[in-house]
N, C-alpha and C. Protein backbone atom coordinates (compact mmCIF):
# COMPACT_ATOMS: atom_id res chain seq x y z
N MET A 1 127.69 113.75 88.77
CA MET A 1 126.95 114.98 88.56
C MET A 1 127.86 115.95 87.80
N SER A 2 127.29 116.60 86.82
CA SER A 2 128.06 117.55 86.01
C SER A 2 128.35 118.81 86.81
N GLY A 3 129.25 119.64 86.27
CA GLY A 3 129.55 120.91 86.89
C GLY A 3 128.32 121.78 87.04
N ARG A 4 127.48 121.77 86.00
CA ARG A 4 126.24 122.54 86.03
C ARG A 4 125.30 122.01 87.11
N GLY A 5 125.25 120.69 87.25
CA GLY A 5 124.41 120.08 88.28
C GLY A 5 124.88 120.41 89.68
N ARG A 6 126.20 120.39 89.88
CA ARG A 6 126.76 120.75 91.19
C ARG A 6 126.45 122.21 91.54
N LEU A 7 126.60 123.08 90.55
CA LEU A 7 126.32 124.49 90.77
C LEU A 7 124.85 124.70 91.13
N ALA A 8 123.96 124.01 90.44
CA ALA A 8 122.53 124.11 90.74
C ALA A 8 122.25 123.61 92.16
N ALA A 9 122.88 122.51 92.55
CA ALA A 9 122.69 121.96 93.90
C ALA A 9 123.20 122.93 94.96
N LEU A 10 124.34 123.56 94.71
CA LEU A 10 124.88 124.54 95.65
C LEU A 10 123.95 125.74 95.78
N ARG A 11 123.39 126.18 94.67
CA ARG A 11 122.44 127.30 94.72
C ARG A 11 121.20 126.94 95.55
N LEU A 12 120.72 125.72 95.36
CA LEU A 12 119.55 125.28 96.14
C LEU A 12 119.88 125.23 97.63
N LEU A 13 121.06 124.71 97.96
CA LEU A 13 121.46 124.64 99.37
C LEU A 13 121.59 126.04 99.97
N ALA A 14 122.20 126.96 99.24
CA ALA A 14 122.35 128.34 99.73
C ALA A 14 120.98 128.99 99.92
N ASP A 15 120.07 128.74 98.98
CA ASP A 15 118.72 129.29 99.07
C ASP A 15 118.00 128.73 100.29
N ALA A 16 118.10 127.43 100.51
CA ALA A 16 117.45 126.79 101.66
C ALA A 16 118.04 127.31 102.97
N ARG A 17 119.36 127.45 103.01
CA ARG A 17 120.02 127.95 104.23
C ARG A 17 119.55 129.37 104.54
N LYS A 18 119.46 130.20 103.50
CA LYS A 18 119.02 131.59 103.68
C LYS A 18 117.59 131.64 104.20
N ALA A 19 116.72 130.83 103.62
CA ALA A 19 115.32 130.80 104.07
C ALA A 19 115.23 130.30 105.51
N LYS A 20 116.00 129.26 105.84
CA LYS A 20 115.97 128.70 107.19
C LYS A 20 116.46 129.72 108.20
N LYS A 21 117.49 130.46 107.83
CA LYS A 21 118.06 131.48 108.72
C LYS A 21 117.02 132.57 109.02
N GLY A 22 116.14 132.82 108.06
CA GLY A 22 115.10 133.84 108.24
C GLY A 22 113.94 133.38 109.10
N GLY A 23 113.92 132.13 109.49
CA GLY A 23 112.86 131.61 110.35
C GLY A 23 111.69 131.05 109.55
N GLU A 24 110.66 130.68 110.29
CA GLU A 24 109.50 130.02 109.68
C GLU A 24 108.81 130.89 108.64
N ARG A 25 108.71 132.19 108.89
CA ARG A 25 108.05 133.07 107.92
C ARG A 25 108.82 133.10 106.61
N ALA A 26 110.13 133.18 106.69
CA ALA A 26 110.95 133.21 105.47
C ALA A 26 110.84 131.89 104.72
N MET A 27 110.83 130.78 105.47
CA MET A 27 110.72 129.47 104.81
C MET A 27 109.35 129.32 104.15
N ALA A 28 108.30 129.75 104.82
CA ALA A 28 106.96 129.66 104.24
C ALA A 28 106.85 130.55 103.00
N ALA A 29 107.44 131.73 103.05
CA ALA A 29 107.42 132.63 101.90
C ALA A 29 108.18 132.02 100.73
N ARG A 30 109.30 131.40 101.01
CA ARG A 30 110.09 130.77 99.95
C ARG A 30 109.33 129.59 99.34
N GLN A 31 108.67 128.80 100.18
CA GLN A 31 107.86 127.68 99.67
C GLN A 31 106.76 128.18 98.74
N ARG A 32 106.08 129.25 99.15
CA ARG A 32 105.02 129.81 98.30
C ARG A 32 105.59 130.32 96.98
N ALA A 33 106.74 130.99 97.04
CA ALA A 33 107.35 131.52 95.82
C ALA A 33 107.76 130.38 94.89
N LEU A 34 108.32 129.31 95.44
CA LEU A 34 108.71 128.16 94.60
C LEU A 34 107.50 127.47 94.00
N LEU A 35 106.45 127.31 94.80
CA LEU A 35 105.22 126.69 94.28
C LEU A 35 104.63 127.53 93.16
N GLU A 36 104.58 128.84 93.36
CA GLU A 36 104.05 129.73 92.33
C GLU A 36 104.89 129.64 91.06
N ALA A 37 106.22 129.58 91.20
CA ALA A 37 107.10 129.48 90.04
C ALA A 37 106.89 128.16 89.30
N MET A 38 106.73 127.07 90.05
CA MET A 38 106.51 125.77 89.41
C MET A 38 105.18 125.72 88.66
N VAL A 39 104.14 126.27 89.27
CA VAL A 39 102.83 126.29 88.61
C VAL A 39 102.89 127.17 87.37
N ARG A 40 103.55 128.31 87.48
CA ARG A 40 103.68 129.21 86.31
C ARG A 40 104.45 128.49 85.19
N TRP A 41 105.53 127.78 85.53
CA TRP A 41 106.31 127.03 84.55
C TRP A 41 105.43 125.98 83.87
N ALA A 42 104.69 125.23 84.66
CA ALA A 42 103.83 124.18 84.10
C ALA A 42 102.76 124.78 83.19
N ARG A 43 102.15 125.86 83.62
CA ARG A 43 101.12 126.51 82.79
C ARG A 43 101.70 127.03 81.48
N THR A 44 102.89 127.56 81.54
CA THR A 44 103.52 128.15 80.36
C THR A 44 104.03 127.10 79.39
N ARG A 45 104.59 126.02 79.91
CA ARG A 45 105.32 125.07 79.07
C ARG A 45 104.56 123.78 78.75
N SER A 46 103.45 123.51 79.42
CA SER A 46 102.76 122.23 79.25
C SER A 46 101.30 122.44 78.86
N PRO A 47 100.89 122.02 77.66
CA PRO A 47 99.48 122.13 77.28
C PRO A 47 98.55 121.40 78.27
N HIS A 48 98.99 120.27 78.77
CA HIS A 48 98.18 119.49 79.72
C HIS A 48 97.92 120.29 80.99
N TYR A 49 98.98 120.84 81.59
CA TYR A 49 98.80 121.59 82.83
C TYR A 49 98.13 122.94 82.59
N ARG A 50 98.35 123.54 81.45
CA ARG A 50 97.65 124.78 81.12
C ARG A 50 96.13 124.51 81.14
N HIS A 51 95.72 123.40 80.56
CA HIS A 51 94.30 123.02 80.55
C HIS A 51 93.83 122.64 81.96
N LEU A 52 94.62 121.84 82.65
CA LEU A 52 94.24 121.36 83.99
C LEU A 52 94.11 122.51 84.98
N TYR A 53 94.97 123.52 84.86
CA TYR A 53 94.99 124.63 85.81
C TYR A 53 94.20 125.85 85.34
N ARG A 54 93.46 125.74 84.25
CA ARG A 54 92.79 126.90 83.65
C ARG A 54 91.83 127.61 84.60
N GLY A 55 91.19 126.93 85.50
CA GLY A 55 90.24 127.56 86.41
C GLY A 55 90.84 128.03 87.72
N LEU A 56 92.12 127.82 87.89
CA LEU A 56 92.77 128.19 89.16
C LEU A 56 93.21 129.65 89.13
N PRO A 57 93.31 130.27 90.31
CA PRO A 57 93.81 131.64 90.35
C PRO A 57 95.27 131.71 89.90
N ALA A 58 95.71 132.89 89.54
CA ALA A 58 97.10 133.08 89.07
C ALA A 58 98.10 132.71 90.16
N ALA A 59 97.83 133.10 91.39
CA ALA A 59 98.73 132.81 92.51
C ALA A 59 98.17 131.64 93.31
N ILE A 60 98.96 130.61 93.46
CA ILE A 60 98.58 129.43 94.25
C ILE A 60 99.38 129.47 95.55
N ASP A 61 98.69 129.50 96.69
CA ASP A 61 99.38 129.57 97.98
C ASP A 61 99.64 128.20 98.60
N GLU A 62 98.81 127.24 98.26
CA GLU A 62 98.90 125.92 98.87
C GLU A 62 98.87 124.84 97.80
N VAL A 63 99.71 123.85 97.94
CA VAL A 63 99.75 122.76 96.97
C VAL A 63 98.42 122.01 96.95
N THR A 64 97.69 122.04 98.04
CA THR A 64 96.39 121.36 98.10
C THR A 64 95.36 122.00 97.20
N ALA A 65 95.63 123.20 96.68
CA ALA A 65 94.71 123.87 95.75
C ALA A 65 94.82 123.29 94.35
N LEU A 66 95.87 122.51 94.10
CA LEU A 66 96.08 121.95 92.76
C LEU A 66 95.29 120.65 92.60
N PRO A 67 94.75 120.41 91.42
CA PRO A 67 94.05 119.15 91.19
C PRO A 67 95.02 117.97 91.26
N VAL A 68 94.53 116.87 91.74
CA VAL A 68 95.33 115.65 91.84
C VAL A 68 95.41 115.00 90.47
N THR A 69 96.59 114.55 90.11
CA THR A 69 96.77 113.80 88.86
C THR A 69 97.40 112.46 89.20
N GLY A 70 97.15 111.49 88.36
CA GLY A 70 97.68 110.17 88.60
C GLY A 70 98.60 109.72 87.46
N LYS A 71 99.33 108.67 87.72
CA LYS A 71 100.29 108.16 86.75
C LYS A 71 99.62 107.78 85.43
N ALA A 72 98.50 107.08 85.51
CA ALA A 72 97.82 106.64 84.28
C ALA A 72 97.41 107.84 83.43
N GLU A 73 96.87 108.87 84.08
CA GLU A 73 96.48 110.08 83.36
C GLU A 73 97.70 110.75 82.71
N LEU A 74 98.76 110.88 83.46
CA LEU A 74 99.96 111.54 82.94
C LEU A 74 100.62 110.73 81.83
N MET A 75 100.72 109.44 81.98
CA MET A 75 101.36 108.63 80.94
C MET A 75 100.52 108.64 79.66
N GLY A 76 99.21 108.71 79.81
CA GLY A 76 98.34 108.77 78.64
C GLY A 76 98.45 110.09 77.88
N ALA A 77 98.93 111.13 78.57
CA ALA A 77 99.06 112.45 77.95
C ALA A 77 100.51 112.93 77.98
N PHE A 78 101.45 111.99 77.96
CA PHE A 78 102.87 112.33 78.15
C PHE A 78 103.32 113.48 77.25
N ASP A 79 103.07 113.38 75.97
CA ASP A 79 103.57 114.39 75.04
C ASP A 79 102.94 115.77 75.27
N ASP A 80 101.81 115.82 75.98
CA ASP A 80 101.17 117.10 76.30
C ASP A 80 101.58 117.65 77.66
N TRP A 81 101.97 116.78 78.60
CA TRP A 81 102.32 117.33 79.92
C TRP A 81 103.80 117.60 80.07
N VAL A 82 104.63 116.92 79.33
CA VAL A 82 106.07 117.17 79.44
C VAL A 82 106.33 118.63 79.06
N THR A 83 107.22 119.30 79.79
CA THR A 83 107.41 120.74 79.60
C THR A 83 108.49 121.09 78.58
N ASP A 84 109.12 120.09 78.00
CA ASP A 84 110.10 120.34 76.94
C ASP A 84 109.53 119.74 75.66
N PRO A 85 109.11 120.57 74.71
CA PRO A 85 108.47 120.05 73.50
C PRO A 85 109.39 119.18 72.65
N ALA A 86 110.69 119.21 72.91
CA ALA A 86 111.61 118.36 72.16
C ALA A 86 111.60 116.92 72.67
N VAL A 87 110.97 116.68 73.81
CA VAL A 87 110.95 115.35 74.42
C VAL A 87 109.61 114.69 74.13
N THR A 88 109.68 113.45 73.62
CA THR A 88 108.46 112.69 73.33
C THR A 88 108.49 111.37 74.10
N PHE A 89 107.32 110.78 74.23
CA PHE A 89 107.22 109.49 74.91
C PHE A 89 108.10 108.44 74.22
N GLU A 90 108.05 108.40 72.90
CA GLU A 90 108.84 107.41 72.15
C GLU A 90 110.33 107.59 72.43
N GLN A 91 110.78 108.83 72.45
CA GLN A 91 112.19 109.12 72.70
C GLN A 91 112.60 108.69 74.12
N VAL A 92 111.76 108.98 75.10
CA VAL A 92 112.06 108.62 76.49
C VAL A 92 112.04 107.11 76.65
N ARG A 93 111.08 106.46 76.04
CA ARG A 93 111.01 104.99 76.12
C ARG A 93 112.28 104.36 75.56
N ALA A 94 112.73 104.79 74.40
CA ALA A 94 113.96 104.24 73.80
C ALA A 94 115.16 104.53 74.70
N PHE A 95 115.21 105.71 75.27
CA PHE A 95 116.32 106.10 76.15
C PHE A 95 116.36 105.23 77.40
N THR A 96 115.22 105.04 78.04
CA THR A 96 115.19 104.26 79.28
C THR A 96 115.35 102.77 79.05
N ASP A 97 115.07 102.31 77.85
CA ASP A 97 115.25 100.90 77.53
C ASP A 97 116.71 100.53 77.25
N ASP A 98 117.58 101.54 77.11
CA ASP A 98 118.99 101.30 76.77
C ASP A 98 119.87 101.45 78.01
N PRO A 99 120.34 100.33 78.58
CA PRO A 99 121.18 100.41 79.79
C PRO A 99 122.45 101.24 79.59
N ALA A 100 122.90 101.39 78.37
CA ALA A 100 124.11 102.18 78.12
C ALA A 100 123.87 103.67 78.38
N MET A 101 122.62 104.08 78.50
CA MET A 101 122.31 105.49 78.69
C MET A 101 122.20 105.88 80.17
N ILE A 102 122.35 104.92 81.06
CA ILE A 102 122.26 105.22 82.50
C ILE A 102 123.30 106.27 82.87
N GLY A 103 122.85 107.31 83.54
CA GLY A 103 123.74 108.38 83.98
C GLY A 103 123.98 109.45 82.93
N ARG A 104 123.37 109.32 81.76
CA ARG A 104 123.55 110.31 80.69
C ARG A 104 122.31 111.18 80.55
N LEU A 105 122.50 112.33 79.93
CA LEU A 105 121.37 113.21 79.64
C LEU A 105 120.62 112.71 78.42
N LEU A 106 119.33 112.93 78.42
CA LEU A 106 118.50 112.57 77.29
C LEU A 106 118.92 113.41 76.07
N PRO A 107 119.35 112.79 74.99
CA PRO A 107 119.77 113.58 73.82
C PRO A 107 118.63 114.44 73.28
N GLY A 108 118.94 115.69 72.99
CA GLY A 108 117.94 116.60 72.42
C GLY A 108 117.12 117.34 73.46
N ALA A 109 117.15 116.90 74.70
CA ALA A 109 116.38 117.58 75.75
C ALA A 109 117.09 118.87 76.14
N THR A 110 116.30 119.84 76.56
CA THR A 110 116.86 121.10 77.02
C THR A 110 117.39 120.90 78.43
N PRO A 111 118.68 121.16 78.65
CA PRO A 111 119.23 120.95 80.01
C PRO A 111 118.74 121.96 81.02
């Protein structure tokens, strides 16, 4: 894991510890905030999810409010659902087919 990855993991652990220390209400609030942030990210960065979530309210409180998606649907629309426009299905396929790339970052992807 890179230095940046370790730092991100430490931040997540500190965040989880803080929420846990605050009790169930704090943990539930943090879960809602993270879910809302993930949905906002997907809506902003992914044409597929922007379309899929178009009828949903701005704030999502429960993951069960999100439409279910499947692997076949997502793989068929890979270039539209991926949230980094620099990443394409062809690029990912070539990357994953090369055993020499195991443990490396995808070239050109936003870290």
